Amino acid sequence: MSQNTNIKAVKDFNKIEKALQGLAEIIQFELDEDDFLYLAAMDNLKSLSKNIPKLLEHSQKNCKELVEKFEKFPVPRQEYSKNSKISK
């Protein structure tokens, strides 16, 4: 990989990491009770949908790092699913 590709991959990964952190914070504030927080979560999801494919095209190593970030996501999926209007 060239140096420019590496720099681009790091920038894309940082965008994804920020979006995941934002989603985690919103979920912790029970986004299903607040329209503003719901819209903020949707913005974060849009950011993820744009940046994940960019990251995945760069390398296998970055894919592994992304999976590790998802595994560290602070809200257990089952706990969120029980409280979410979206999942019902």
PDB file of N, CA and C in Angstrom:
ATOM      1  N   MET A   1       0.830  -1.180   0.000  1.00  0.00           N
ATOM      2  CA  MET A   1       0.000   0.000   0.000  1.00  0.00           C
ATOM      3  C   MET A   1       0.875   1.244   0.000  1.00  0.00           C
ATOM      4  N   SER A   2       0.479   2.232  -0.739  1.00  0.00           N
ATOM      5  CA  SER A   2       1.248   3.470  -0.767  1.00  0.00           C
ATOM      6  C   SER A   2       0.994   4.287   0.496  1.00  0.00           C
ATOM      7  N   GLN A   3       1.835   5.256   0.723  1.00  0.00           N
ATOM      8  CA  GLN A   3       1.689   6.109   1.903  1.00  0.00           C
ATOM      9  C   GLN A   3       0.371   6.887   1.849  1.00  0.00           C
ATOM     10  N   ASN A   4      -0.013   7.375   0.670  1.00  0.00           N
ATOM     11  CA  ASN A   4      -1.277   8.106   0.531  1.00  0.00           C
ATOM     12  C   ASN A   4      -2.472   7.221   0.847  1.00  0.00           C
ATOM     13  N   THR A   5      -2.418   5.970   0.418  1.00  0.00           N
ATOM     14  CA  THR A   5      -3.496   5.031   0.713  1.00  0.00           C
ATOM     15  C   THR A   5      -3.578   4.770   2.205  1.00  0.00           C
ATOM     16  N   ASN A   6      -2.426   4.623   2.854  1.00  0.00           N
ATOM     17  CA  ASN A   6      -2.408   4.420   4.304  1.00  0.00           C
ATOM     18  C   ASN A   6      -3.005   5.611   5.038  1.00  0.00           C
ATOM     19  N   ILE A   7      -2.644   6.815   4.621  1.00  0.00           N
ATOM     20  CA  ILE A   7      -3.174   8.027   5.261  1.00  0.00           C
ATOM     21  C   ILE A   7      -4.684   8.092   5.077  1.00  0.00           C
ATOM     22  N   LYS A   8      -5.157   7.781   3.880  1.00  0.00           N
ATOM     23  CA  LYS A   8      -6.597   7.787   3.612  1.00  0.00           C
ATOM     24  C   LYS A   8      -7.307   6.739   4.465  1.00  0.00           C
ATOM     25  N   ALA A   9      -6.724   5.571   4.606  1.00  0.00           N
ATOM     26  CA  ALA A   9      -7.324   4.512   5.417  1.00  0.00           C
ATOM     27  C   ALA A   9      -7.436   4.939   6.875  1.00  0.00           C
ATOM     28  N   VAL A  10      -6.409   5.588   7.394  1.00  0.00           N
ATOM     29  CA  VAL A  10      -6.441   6.054   8.784  1.00  0.00           C
ATOM     30  C   VAL A  10      -7.525   7.110   8.964  1.00  0.00           C
ATOM     31  N   LYS A  11      -7.633   8.038   8.013  1.00  0.00           N
ATOM     32  CA  LYS A  11      -8.671   9.073   8.100  1.00  0.00           C
ATOM     33  C   LYS A  11     -10.064   8.447   8.064  1.00  0.00           C
ATOM     34  N   ASP A  12     -10.271   7.497   7.164  1.00  0.00           N
ATOM     35  CA  ASP A  12     -11.565   6.815   7.078  1.00  0.00           C
ATOM     36  C   ASP A  12     -11.865   6.069   8.370  1.00  0.00           C
ATOM     37  N   PHE A  13     -10.858   5.394   8.907  1.00  0.00           N
ATOM     38  CA  PHE A  13     -11.046   4.640  10.145  1.00  0.00           C
ATOM     39  C   PHE A  13     -11.403   5.584  11.286  1.00  0.00           C
ATOM     40  N   ASN A  14     -10.758   6.743  11.363  1.00  0.00           N
ATOM     41  CA  ASN A  14     -11.059   7.713  12.418  1.00  0.00           C
ATOM     42  C   ASN A  14     -12.493   8.221  12.319  1.00  0.00           C
ATOM     43  N   LYS A  15     -12.990   8.418  11.100  1.00  0.00           N
ATOM     44  CA  LYS A  15     -14.384   8.833  10.917  1.00  0.00           C
ATOM     45  C   LYS A  15     -15.328   7.754  11.443  1.00  0.00           C
ATOM     46  N   ILE A  16     -15.013   6.506  11.140  1.00  0.00           N
ATOM     47  CA  ILE A  16     -15.843   5.395  11.605  1.00  0.00           C
ATOM     48  C   ILE A  16     -15.813   5.312  13.123  1.00  0.00           C
ATOM     49  N   GLU A  17     -14.634   5.447  13.704  1.00  0.00           N
ATOM     50  CA  GLU A  17     -14.502   5.372  15.155  1.00  0.00           C
ATOM     51  C   GLU A  17     -15.323   6.470  15.831  1.00  0.00           C
ATOM     52  N   LYS A  18     -15.276   7.699  15.309  1.00  0.00           N
ATOM     53  CA  LYS A  18     -16.055   8.802  15.884  1.00  0.00           C
ATOM     54  C   LYS A  18     -17.548   8.530  15.774  1.00  0.00           C
ATOM     55  N   ALA A  19     -17.976   7.999  14.637  1.00  0.00           N
ATOM     56  CA  ALA A  19     -19.392   7.690  14.454  1.00  0.00           C
ATOM     57  C   ALA A  19     -19.840   6.615  15.433  1.00  0.00           C
ATOM     58  N   LEU A  20     -19.019   5.598  15.650  1.00  0.00           N
ATOM     59  CA  LEU A  20     -19.359   4.550  16.614  1.00  0.00           C
ATOM     60  C   LEU A  20     -19.445   5.108  18.027  1.00  0.00           C
ATOM     61  N   GLN A  21     -18.518   5.987  18.383  1.00  0.00           N
ATOM     62  CA  GLN A  21     -18.556   6.600  19.707  1.00  0.00           C
ATOM     63  C   GLN A  21     -19.827   7.428  19.870  1.00  0.00           C
ATOM     64  N   GLY A  22     -20.190   8.172  18.828  1.00  0.00           N
ATOM     65  CA  GLY A  22     -21.418   8.960  18.874  1.00  0.00           C
ATOM     66  C   GLY A  22     -22.642   8.089  19.032  1.00  0.00           C
ATOM     67  N   LEU A  23     -22.690   6.994  18.299  1.00  0.00           N
ATOM     68  CA  LEU A  23     -23.821   6.070  18.427  1.00  0.00           C
ATOM     69  C   LEU A  23     -23.897   5.476  19.823  1.00  0.00           C
ATOM     70  N   ALA A  24     -22.765   5.108  20.376  1.00  0.00           N
ATOM     71  CA  ALA A  24     -22.745   4.528  21.718  1.00  0.00           C
ATOM     72  C   ALA A  24     -23.304   5.509  22.737  1.00  0.00           C
ATOM     73  N   GLU A  25     -22.900   6.769  22.643  1.00  0.00           N
ATOM     74  CA  GLU A  25     -23.393   7.781  23.577  1.00  0.00           C
ATOM     75  C   GLU A  25     -24.893   7.982  23.423  1.00  0.00           C
ATOM     76  N   ILE A  26     -25.358   8.034  22.190  1.00  0.00           N
ATOM     77  CA  ILE A  26     -26.784   8.232  21.942  1.00  0.00           C
ATOM     78  C   ILE A  26     -27.592   7.060  22.470  1.00  0.00           C
ATOM     79  N   ILE A  27     -27.139   5.856  22.216  1.00  0.00           N
ATOM     80  CA  ILE A  27     -27.858   4.672  22.685  1.00  0.00           C
ATOM     81  C   ILE A  27     -27.926   4.670  24.202  1.00  0.00           C
ATOM     82  N   GLN A  28     -26.857   5.075  24.858  1.00  0.00           N
ATOM     83  CA  GLN A  28     -26.853   5.125  26.314  1.00  0.00           C
ATOM     84  C   GLN A  28     -27.879   6.122  26.841  1.00  0.00           C
ATOM     85  N   PHE A  29     -28.214   7.137  26.070  1.00  0.00           N
ATOM     86  CA  PHE A  29     -29.224   8.121  26.483  1.00  0.00           C
ATOM     87  C   PHE A  29     -30.626   7.724  26.024  1.00  0.00           C
ATOM     88  N   GLU A  30     -30.812   6.472  25.691  1.00  0.00           N
ATOM     89  CA  GLU A  30     -32.116   5.935  25.288  1.00  0.00           C
ATOM     90  C   GLU A  30     -32.723   6.744  24.144  1.00  0.00           C
ATOM     91  N   LEU A  31     -32.127   6.600  22.993  1.00  0.00           N
ATOM     92  CA  LEU A  31     -32.519   7.396  21.837  1.00  0.00           C
ATOM     93  C   LEU A  31     -33.981   7.236  21.451  1.00  0.00           C
ATOM     94  N   ASP A  32     -34.616   6.141  21.829  1.00  0.00           N
ATOM     95  CA  ASP A  32     -35.997   5.946  21.405  1.00  0.00           C
ATOM     96  C   ASP A  32     -36.972   6.884  22.106  1.00  0.00           C
ATOM     97  N   GLU A  33     -36.540   7.642  23.107  1.00  0.00           N
ATOM     98  CA  GLU A  33     -37.420   8.582  23.804  1.00  0.00           C
ATOM     99  C   GLU A  33     -37.227  10.016  23.324  1.00  0.00           C
ATOM    100  N   ASP A  34     -36.316  10.263  22.422  1.00  0.00           N
ATOM    101  CA  ASP A  34     -35.992  11.629  22.029  1.00  0.00           C
ATOM    102  C   ASP A  34     -35.764  11.696  20.522  1.00  0.00           C
ATOM    103  N   ASP A  35     -36.608  12.446  19.827  1.00  0.00           N
ATOM    104  CA  ASP A  35     -36.497  12.550  18.371  1.00  0.00           C
ATOM    105  C   ASP A  35     -35.165  13.135  17.930  1.00  0.00           C
ATOM    106  N   PHE A  36     -34.660  14.135  18.657  1.00  0.00           N
ATOM    107  CA  PHE A  36     -33.384  14.755  18.292  1.00  0.00           C
ATOM    108  C   PHE A  36     -32.266  13.725  18.330  1.00  0.00           C
ATOM    109  N   LEU A  37     -32.219  12.932  19.400  1.00  0.00           N
ATOM    110  CA  LEU A  37     -31.169  11.920  19.519  1.00  0.00           C
ATOM    111  C   LEU A  37     -31.328  10.844  18.452  1.00  0.00           C
ATOM    112  N   TYR A  38     -32.570  10.501  18.126  1.00  0.00           N
ATOM    113  CA  TYR A  38     -32.811   9.522  17.066  1.00  0.00           C
ATOM    114  C   TYR A  38     -32.234  10.035  15.742  1.00  0.00           C
ATOM    115  N   LEU A  39     -32.487  11.304  15.424  1.00  0.00           N
ATOM    116  CA  LEU A  39     -31.966  11.876  14.180  1.00  0.00           C
ATOM    117  C   LEU A  39     -30.441  11.933  14.198  1.00  0.00           C
ATOM    118  N   ALA A  40     -29.870  12.225  15.361  1.00  0.00           N
ATOM    119  CA  ALA A  40     -28.409  12.233  15.473  1.00  0.00           C
ATOM    120  C   ALA A  40     -27.853  10.831  15.236  1.00  0.00           C
ATOM    121  N   ALA A  41     -28.530   9.822  15.758  1.00  0.00           N
ATOM    122  CA  ALA A  41     -28.097   8.438  15.538  1.00  0.00           C
ATOM    123  C   ALA A  41     -28.163   8.093  14.055  1.00  0.00           C
ATOM    124  N   MET A  42     -29.211   8.540  13.391  1.00  0.00           N
ATOM    125  CA  MET A  42     -29.343   8.266  11.963  1.00  0.00           C
ATOM    126  C   MET A  42     -28.219   8.940  11.173  1.00  0.00           C
ATOM    127  N   ASP A  43     -27.822  10.155  11.573  1.00  0.00           N
ATOM    128  CA  ASP A  43     -26.691  10.823  10.915  1.00  0.00           C
ATOM    129  C   ASP A  43     -25.416  10.007  11.081  1.00  0.00           C
ATOM    130  N   ASN A  44     -25.218   9.469  12.293  1.00  0.00           N
ATOM    131  CA  ASN A  44     -24.039   8.636  12.536  1.00  0.00           C
ATOM    132  C   ASN A  44     -24.081   7.378  11.678  1.00  0.00           C
ATOM    133  N   LEU A  45     -25.252   6.784  11.540  1.00  0.00           N
ATOM    134  CA  LEU A  45     -25.375   5.587  10.707  1.00  0.00           C
ATOM    135  C   LEU A  45     -25.069   5.908   9.244  1.00  0.00           C
ATOM    136  N   LYS A  46     -25.511   7.069   8.778  1.00  0.00           N
ATOM    137  CA  LYS A  46     -25.200   7.475   7.400  1.00  0.00           C
ATOM    138  C   LYS A  46     -23.695   7.632   7.220  1.00  0.00           C
ATOM    139  N   SER A  47     -23.049   8.221   8.225  1.00  0.00           N
ATOM    140  CA  SER A  47     -21.597   8.378   8.167  1.00  0.00           C
ATOM    141  C   SER A  47     -20.917   7.018   8.097  1.00  0.00           C
ATOM    142  N   LEU A  48     -21.393   6.078   8.903  1.00  0.00           N
ATOM    143  CA  LEU A  48     -20.829   4.726   8.875  1.00  0.00           C
ATOM    144  C   LEU A  48     -21.022   4.085   7.511  1.00  0.00           C
ATOM    145  N   SER A  49     -22.216   4.224   6.958  1.00  0.00           N
ATOM    146  CA  SER A  49     -22.495   3.573   5.676  1.00  0.00           C
ATOM    147  C   SER A  49     -21.605   4.124   4.563  1.00  0.00           C
ATOM    148  N   LYS A  50     -21.187   5.386   4.685  1.00  0.00           N
ATOM    149  CA  LYS A  50     -20.290   5.967   3.685  1.00  0.00           C
ATOM    150  C   LYS A  50     -18.844   5.545   3.910  1.00  0.00           C
ATOM    151  N   ASN A  51     -18.435   5.453   5.169  1.00  0.00           N
ATOM    152  CA  ASN A  51     -17.015   5.263   5.466  1.00  0.00           C
ATOM    153  C   ASN A  51     -16.580   3.809   5.617  1.00  0.00           C
ATOM    154  N   ILE A  52     -17.473   2.917   6.014  1.00  0.00           N
ATOM    155  CA  ILE A  52     -17.074   1.514   6.160  1.00  0.00           C
ATOM    156  C   ILE A  52     -16.605   0.931   4.823  1.00  0.00           C
ATOM    157  N   PRO A  53     -17.338   1.120   3.733  1.00  0.00           N
ATOM    158  CA  PRO A  53     -16.832   0.570   2.464  1.00  0.00           C
ATOM    159  C   PRO A  53     -15.469   1.138   2.070  1.00  0.00           C
ATOM    160  N   LYS A  54     -15.244   2.430   2.344  1.00  0.00           N
ATOM    161  CA  LYS A  54     -13.945   3.029   2.039  1.00  0.00           C
ATOM    162  C   LYS A  54     -12.848   2.331   2.825  1.00  0.00           C
ATOM    163  N   LEU A  55     -13.123   2.058   4.085  1.00  0.00           N
ATOM    164  CA  LEU A  55     -12.124   1.422   4.936  1.00  0.00           C
ATOM    165  C   LEU A  55     -11.866  -0.012   4.481  1.00  0.00           C
ATOM    166  N   LEU A  56     -12.919  -0.731   4.179  1.00  0.00           N
ATOM    167  CA  LEU A  56     -12.779  -2.139   3.835  1.00  0.00           C
ATOM    168  C   LEU A  56     -12.009  -2.352   2.536  1.00  0.00           C
ATOM    169  N   GLU A  57     -12.027  -1.372   1.654  1.00  0.00           N
ATOM    170  CA  GLU A  57     -11.303  -1.544   0.394  1.00  0.00           C
ATOM    171  C   GLU A  57      -9.797  -1.404   0.573  1.00  0.00           C
ATOM    172  N   HIS A  58      -9.339  -0.911   1.722  1.00  0.00           N
ATOM    173  CA  HIS A  58      -7.912  -0.664   1.900  1.00  0.00           C
ATOM    174  C   HIS A  58      -7.107  -1.899   2.286  1.00  0.00           C
ATOM    175  N   SER A  59      -7.564  -2.664   3.285  1.00  0.00           N
ATOM    176  CA  SER A  59      -6.753  -3.822   3.671  1.00  0.00           C
ATOM    177  C   SER A  59      -7.470  -4.734   4.650  1.00  0.00           C
ATOM    178  N   GLN A  60      -6.993  -5.970   4.711  1.00  0.00           N
ATOM    179  CA  GLN A  60      -7.512  -6.957   5.653  1.00  0.00           C
ATOM    180  C   GLN A  60      -7.261  -6.530   7.097  1.00  0.00           C
ATOM    181  N   LYS A  61      -6.104  -5.938   7.354  1.00  0.00           N
ATOM    182  CA  LYS A  61      -5.755  -5.517   8.710  1.00  0.00           C
ATOM    183  C   LYS A  61      -6.775  -4.511   9.238  1.00  0.00           C
ATOM    184  N   ASN A  62      -7.158  -3.555   8.403  1.00  0.00           N
ATOM    185  CA  ASN A  62      -8.143  -2.565   8.818  1.00  0.00           C
ATOM    186  C   ASN A  62      -9.496  -3.210   9.088  1.00  0.00           C
ATOM    187  N   CYS A  63      -9.843  -4.232   8.314  1.00  0.00           N
ATOM    188  CA  CYS A  63     -11.093  -4.953   8.544  1.00  0.00           C
ATOM    189  C   CYS A  63     -11.082  -5.586   9.934  1.00  0.00           C
ATOM    190  N   LYS A  64      -9.960  -6.186  10.292  1.00  0.00           N
ATOM    191  CA  LYS A  64      -9.832  -6.813  11.607  1.00  0.00           C
ATOM    192  C   LYS A  64      -9.968  -5.765  12.713  1.00  0.00           C
ATOM    193  N   GLU A  65      -9.334  -4.609  12.537  1.00  0.00           N
ATOM    194  CA  GLU A  65      -9.432  -3.536  13.525  1.00  0.00           C
ATOM    195  C   GLU A  65     -10.874  -3.049  13.662  1.00  0.00           C
ATOM    196  N   LEU A  66     -11.591  -2.973  12.556  1.00  0.00           N
ATOM    197  CA  LEU A  66     -12.983  -2.543  12.594  1.00  0.00           C
ATOM    198  C   LEU A  66     -13.833  -3.532  13.376  1.00  0.00           C
ATOM    199  N   VAL A  67     -13.636  -4.816  13.133  1.00  0.00           N
ATOM    200  CA  VAL A  67     -14.369  -5.846  13.871  1.00  0.00           C
ATOM    201  C   VAL A  67     -14.088  -5.724  15.361  1.00  0.00           C
ATOM    202  N   GLU A  68     -12.832  -5.479  15.724  1.00  0.00           N
ATOM    203  CA  GLU A  68     -12.478  -5.315  17.133  1.00  0.00           C
ATOM    204  C   GLU A  68     -13.190  -4.109  17.742  1.00  0.00           C
ATOM    205  N   LYS A  69     -13.338  -3.020  16.999  1.00  0.00           N
ATOM    206  CA  LYS A  69     -14.066  -1.843  17.493  1.00  0.00           C
ATOM    207  C   LYS A  69     -15.518  -2.206  17.773  1.00  0.00           C
ATOM    208  N   PHE A  70     -16.139  -2.956  16.852  1.00  0.00           N
ATOM    209  CA  PHE A  70     -17.528  -3.355  17.061  1.00  0.00           C
ATOM    210  C   PHE A  70     -17.661  -4.261  18.282  1.00  0.00           C
ATOM    211  N   GLU A  71     -16.679  -5.128  18.508  1.00  0.00           N
ATOM    212  CA  GLU A  71     -16.731  -6.021  19.665  1.00  0.00           C
ATOM    213  C   GLU A  71     -16.634  -5.247  20.973  1.00  0.00           C
ATOM    214  N   LYS A  72     -15.997  -4.084  20.954  1.00  0.00           N
ATOM    215  CA  LYS A  72     -15.856  -3.260  22.158  1.00  0.00           C
ATOM    216  C   LYS A  72     -17.018  -2.288  22.329  1.00  0.00           C
ATOM    217  N   PHE A  73     -17.960  -2.293  21.414  1.00  0.00           N
ATOM    218  CA  PHE A  73     -19.109  -1.393  21.459  1.00  0.00           C
ATOM    219  C   PHE A  73     -19.773  -1.512  22.826  1.00  0.00           C
ATOM    220  N   PRO A  74     -19.990  -0.405  23.532  1.00  0.00           N
ATOM    221  CA  PRO A  74     -20.364  -0.441  24.945  1.00  0.00           C
ATOM    222  C   PRO A  74     -21.762  -0.938  25.298  1.00  0.00           C
ATOM    223  N   VAL A  75     -22.683  -0.990  24.357  1.00  0.00           N
ATOM    224  CA  VAL A  75     -24.041  -1.419  24.691  1.00  0.00           C
ATOM    225  C   VAL A  75     -24.297  -2.797  24.103  1.00  0.00           C
ATOM    226  N   PRO A  76     -24.562  -3.808  24.955  1.00  0.00           N
ATOM    227  CA  PRO A  76     -24.854  -5.146  24.440  1.00  0.00           C
ATOM    228  C   PRO A  76     -26.069  -5.117  23.522  1.00  0.00           C
ATOM    229  N   ARG A  77     -25.983  -5.814  22.420  1.00  0.00           N
ATOM    230  CA  ARG A  77     -27.055  -5.809  21.426  1.00  0.00           C
ATOM    231  C   ARG A  77     -28.395  -6.235  22.020  1.00  0.00           C
ATOM    232  N   GLN A  78     -28.407  -7.272  22.857  1.00  0.00           N
ATOM    233  CA  GLN A  78     -29.662  -7.753  23.440  1.00  0.00           C
ATOM    234  C   GLN A  78     -30.296  -6.692  24.322  1.00  0.00           C
ATOM    235  N   GLU A  79     -29.487  -6.013  25.124  1.00  0.00           N
ATOM    236  CA  GLU A  79     -30.003  -4.977  26.014  1.00  0.00           C
ATOM    237  C   GLU A  79     -30.622  -3.841  25.210  1.00  0.00           C
ATOM    238  N   TYR A  80     -29.957  -3.441  24.127  1.00  0.00           N
ATOM    239  CA  TYR A  80     -30.491  -2.367  23.296  1.00  0.00           C
ATOM    240  C   TYR A  80     -31.769  -2.814  22.603  1.00  0.00           C
ATOM    241  N   SER A  81     -31.802  -4.028  22.098  1.00  0.00           N
ATOM    242  CA  SER A  81     -32.967  -4.526  21.371  1.00  0.00           C
ATOM    243  C   SER A  81     -34.218  -4.553  22.238  1.00  0.00           C
ATOM    244  N   LYS A  82     -34.068  -4.856  23.517  1.00  0.00           N
ATOM    245  CA  LYS A  82     -35.218  -4.907  24.418  1.00  0.00           C
ATOM    246  C   LYS A  82     -35.876  -3.539  24.562  1.00  0.00           C
ATOM    247  N   ASN A  83     -35.077  -2.472  24.525  1.00  0.00           N
ATOM    248  CA  ASN A  83     -35.578  -1.132  24.800  1.00  0.00           C
ATOM    249  C   ASN A  83     -35.870  -0.301  23.562  1.00  0.00           C
ATOM    250  N   SER A  84     -35.556  -0.797  22.400  1.00  0.00           N
ATOM    251  CA  SER A  84     -35.654   0.008  21.189  1.00  0.00           C
ATOM    252  C   SER A  84     -36.999  -0.163  20.495  1.00  0.00           C
ATOM    253  N   LYS A  85     -37.634   0.964  20.182  1.00  0.00           N
ATOM    254  CA  LYS A  85     -38.869   0.922  19.397  1.00  0.00           C
ATOM    255  C   LYS A  85     -38.573   0.476  17.969  1.00  0.00           C
ATOM    256  N   ILE A  86     -37.363   0.790  17.512  1.00  0.00           N
ATOM    257  CA  ILE A  86     -36.980   0.458  16.138  1.00  0.00           C
ATOM    258  C   ILE A  86     -36.943  -1.052  15.940  1.00  0.00           C
ATOM    259  N   SER A  87     -36.492  -1.787  16.952  1.00  0.00           N
ATOM    260  CA  SER A  87     -36.347  -3.235  16.810  1.00  0.00           C
ATOM    261  C   SER A  87     -37.667  -3.978  16.960  1.00  0.00           C
ATOM    262  N   LYS A  88     -38.727  -3.288  17.383  1.00  0.00           N
ATOM    263  CA  LYS A  88     -40.025  -3.958  17.611  1.00  0.00           C
ATOM    264  C   LYS A  88     -40.896  -3.948  16.384  1.00  0.00           C
TER     265      LYS A  88
END
